[in-house]
Amino acid sequence: MKFSPLTIEGAWLAESSVWPDERGFFREWFKKDEIRNSTGIDFDAKQANFSVSNKNVIRGIHYSLAPGGQAKWITCVSGAIIDVVVDLRPNSPTFKKVEYIELESGDGKTLLIGSGLGHGFLSREDDSGIAYLLSSPYAPDYEFDISPTDLELGIKWQQDNDKGTEFILSKKDSDAPTLNMRLKQGNLPV
């Protein structure tokens, strides 16, 4: 695997080889020792999740304040997404910075998001399947969200979509508080 740091500290793009043939393709997508050796993050998977989204679905921005933090290891297993990482750490030099990473089935790319970072994505195709590992299990008392349309973050969900596209959000995501509201509540990572 080849690891490239993103412009937000604690976020990495990992690229692994893909071996296609007449049957489809094969790839290795998680190697704990390579993650630790390349990033310094000792990623210990505690939970595995999978979601499938229709075209124009936005999920996020989600983050966890679990004790010990929560890192995510994310790959696209079908379809295509634009993954979004947001630095939610008020003391970070890149606080509020947004980074966009395109992930597609078969491209060999995986995203590592360290603790303290928010995550969301836009599905670019129907049936876009995302598999991700978490370094801590889901714990409702520690799970938070920020509105994916928060003007202060200015996330450009419209990147390759037609003007006037209607996005599909869950009620939870559409009703999520803004970054400023979470900051005032004291519910951002330290």
Foldseek 3Di string as FASTA:
>chain_A
DDWDADPFPQKIKDFWDWAQDPVGIDTDQDDQVVCCVPRVDRQDFDDKDKDWAAAQAKDFQKAFPPVVFKKKKKAKQAAKKWKKKAQLDPPGPRHLPIDTDIHHHRRRIIMIHTGQITIMIGGHHGGTMMMMTMSDDDDPVGMATAAPVAVSSPDCNCVPPDPPDDHDYDPCNNPGHHSVVCVVVVNGHD
